[in-house]
């Protein structure tokens, strides 16, 4: 069964509609308003309609990814779409159509900068973007080259 959106609320729908027309779209709101869910829905839509596309969900710290990004993505993603499941070491989900999403932190809590320089993505979501600085956005946006 192909992926279909799971009934976004009005603000999520506005974000999803805007993301079809604009390269950069932000979704700002309060706690539990559905920002992460909207970003995942957008990513899954791109993965469903663009076989082989590479996506990334980035967060400031690598240590925060598993519980806040990977687990919710797995909860929201139809199991029938997933070919390869992630591990805590290899945070990458591959779909049967060859599309994939990698979950990556831009830094470790010990201050080590994560390697992003050679990666090429077709879409990127910045989770908890308020944690990031402008230079982080510029580094991430330079990876949109697929």
Protein backbone atom coordinates (compact mmCIF):
# COMPACT_ATOMS: atom_id res chain seq x y z
CA UNK A 1 0.00 0.00 0.00
CA UNK A 2 1.51 3.39 -0.93
CA UNK A 3 1.96 6.01 1.73
CA UNK A 4 -0.80 8.58 2.12
CA UNK A 5 -0.96 11.52 4.57
CA UNK A 6 -2.69 10.71 7.84
CA UNK A 7 -5.13 13.60 7.97
CA UNK A 8 -3.12 16.71 8.84
CA UNK A 9 -4.62 19.43 11.00
CA UNK A 10 -5.13 22.87 9.36
CA UNK A 11 -1.71 24.30 10.28
CA UNK A 12 0.03 21.09 9.17
CA UNK A 13 -1.92 21.21 5.91
CA UNK A 14 -0.82 24.80 5.33
CA UNK A 15 2.81 23.71 5.84
CA UNK A 16 2.45 20.70 3.51
CA UNK A 17 0.83 22.83 0.80
CA UNK A 18 3.52 25.52 1.09
CA UNK A 19 6.28 22.91 0.89
CA UNK A 20 5.06 21.89 -2.58
CA UNK A 21 5.52 25.42 -3.89
CA UNK A 22 8.62 26.61 -2.02
CA UNK A 23 12.10 25.21 -1.52
CA UNK A 24 12.37 26.40 2.11
CA UNK A 25 9.42 26.14 4.46
CA UNK A 26 9.35 26.51 8.22
CA UNK A 27 6.76 25.32 10.69
CA UNK A 28 6.81 27.19 13.98
CA UNK A 29 4.46 26.54 16.86
CA UNK A 30 3.98 25.57 20.45
CA UNK A 31 4.71 22.29 22.17
CA UNK A 32 2.75 19.32 20.76
CA UNK A 33 1.27 21.28 17.82
CA UNK A 34 2.46 18.72 15.26
CA UNK A 35 5.64 20.29 13.86
CA UNK A 36 7.66 17.07 13.79
CA UNK A 37 4.73 15.08 12.45
CA UNK A 38 4.25 17.55 9.59
CA UNK A 39 7.94 17.32 8.72
CA UNK A 40 7.81 13.53 8.70
CA UNK A 41 4.65 13.56 6.56
CA UNK A 42 6.43 15.84 4.08
CA UNK A 43 9.47 13.56 4.01
CA UNK A 44 7.38 10.42 3.54
CA UNK A 45 5.45 12.08 0.72
CA UNK A 46 8.70 12.92 -1.08
CA UNK A 47 9.97 9.37 -0.50
CA UNK A 48 6.75 7.86 -1.84
CA UNK A 49 6.69 9.99 -4.99
CA UNK A 50 10.45 10.05 -5.73
CA UNK A 51 11.93 6.52 -5.70
CA UNK A 52 15.60 6.58 -4.80
CA UNK A 53 15.51 10.01 -3.13
CA UNK A 54 17.80 10.48 -0.14
CA UNK A 55 16.45 12.47 2.79
CA UNK A 56 17.78 13.56 6.15
CA UNK A 57 16.30 14.52 9.45
CA UNK A 58 18.92 16.57 11.26
CA UNK A 59 19.10 17.68 14.84
CA UNK A 60 21.75 19.60 16.73
CA UNK A 61 22.95 16.69 18.89
CA UNK A 62 23.35 13.15 17.64
CA UNK A 63 22.47 11.77 21.08
CA UNK A 64 18.95 13.24 20.88
CA UNK A 65 17.95 11.57 17.61
CA UNK A 66 16.77 8.08 18.50
CA UNK A 67 13.89 8.87 20.86
CA UNK A 68 12.88 12.22 19.36
CA UNK A 69 13.17 11.47 15.62
CA UNK A 70 13.77 7.81 14.70
CA UNK A 71 11.18 6.22 16.98
CA UNK A 72 8.35 8.62 15.97
CA UNK A 73 9.21 8.18 12.27
CA UNK A 74 8.93 4.40 12.69
CA UNK A 75 5.62 4.80 14.52
CA UNK A 76 4.15 6.97 11.76
CA UNK A 77 5.61 5.11 8.77
CA UNK A 78 3.62 2.19 7.31
CA UNK A 79 5.63 -0.98 8.03
CA UNK A 80 4.87 -2.26 4.51
CA UNK A 81 7.04 0.55 3.05
CA UNK A 82 10.17 -0.28 5.06
CA UNK A 83 12.85 -2.54 3.58
CA UNK A 84 15.69 -1.94 6.07
CA UNK A 85 15.19 -0.85 9.66
CA UNK A 86 17.65 1.37 11.54
CA UNK A 87 19.82 0.53 14.52
CA UNK A 88 21.07 2.97 17.15
CA UNK A 89 24.42 2.97 15.33
CA UNK A 90 23.09 3.16 11.75
CA UNK A 91 20.16 5.56 11.89
CA UNK A 92 18.89 5.01 8.34
CA UNK A 93 15.54 3.75 7.08
CA UNK A 94 15.34 2.37 3.54
CA UNK A 95 12.04 1.92 1.70
CA UNK A 96 11.30 -0.77 -0.87
CA UNK A 97 11.39 1.85 -3.66
CA UNK A 98 15.01 2.73 -2.84
CA UNK A 99 14.19 6.01 -1.08
CA UNK A 100 15.82 6.45 2.30
CA UNK A 101 16.08 8.80 5.23
CA UNK A 102 19.13 9.22 7.44
CA UNK A 103 18.88 10.65 10.94
CA UNK A 104 21.96 12.64 11.87
CA UNK A 105 23.10 15.01 14.56
CA UNK A 106 25.21 17.97 13.51
CA UNK A 107 27.29 17.69 16.71
CA UNK A 108 27.90 15.33 19.60
CA UNK A 109 27.51 16.55 23.16
CA UNK A 110 31.29 16.24 23.47
CA UNK A 111 31.57 19.00 20.85
CA UNK A 112 32.63 16.86 17.90
CA UNK A 113 31.28 18.13 14.57
CA UNK A 114 29.56 15.38 12.60
CA UNK A 115 30.51 14.79 8.98
CA UNK A 116 27.96 16.30 6.61
CA UNK A 117 30.27 17.60 3.88
CA UNK A 118 30.08 14.73 1.40
CA UNK A 119 26.41 13.90 1.84
CA UNK A 120 23.83 14.68 -0.87
CA UNK A 121 20.14 14.89 -0.07
CA UNK A 122 16.92 15.58 -1.94
CA UNK A 123 15.15 16.82 1.21
CA UNK A 124 16.14 17.81 4.73
CA UNK A 125 14.12 18.40 7.86
CA UNK A 126 15.72 20.32 10.73
CA UNK A 127 14.11 18.98 13.88
CA UNK A 128 14.15 21.36 16.86
CA UNK A 129 15.61 24.01 14.55
CA UNK A 130 15.61 26.61 17.34
CA UNK A 131 18.63 24.75 18.77
CA UNK A 132 20.66 25.50 15.63
CA UNK A 133 22.61 28.55 14.55
CA UNK A 134 22.57 30.20 11.13
CA UNK A 135 25.86 28.52 10.17
CA UNK A 136 24.26 25.12 10.85
CA UNK A 137 21.40 25.95 8.49
CA UNK A 138 23.89 27.01 5.81
CA UNK A 139 25.85 23.75 6.18
CA UNK A 140 22.64 21.69 5.98
CA UNK A 141 21.22 23.61 3.02
CA UNK A 142 24.46 23.08 1.07
CA UNK A 143 23.77 19.33 1.23
CA UNK A 144 20.58 19.69 -0.85
CA UNK A 145 22.05 18.65 -4.15
CA UNK A 146 20.21 15.52 -5.23
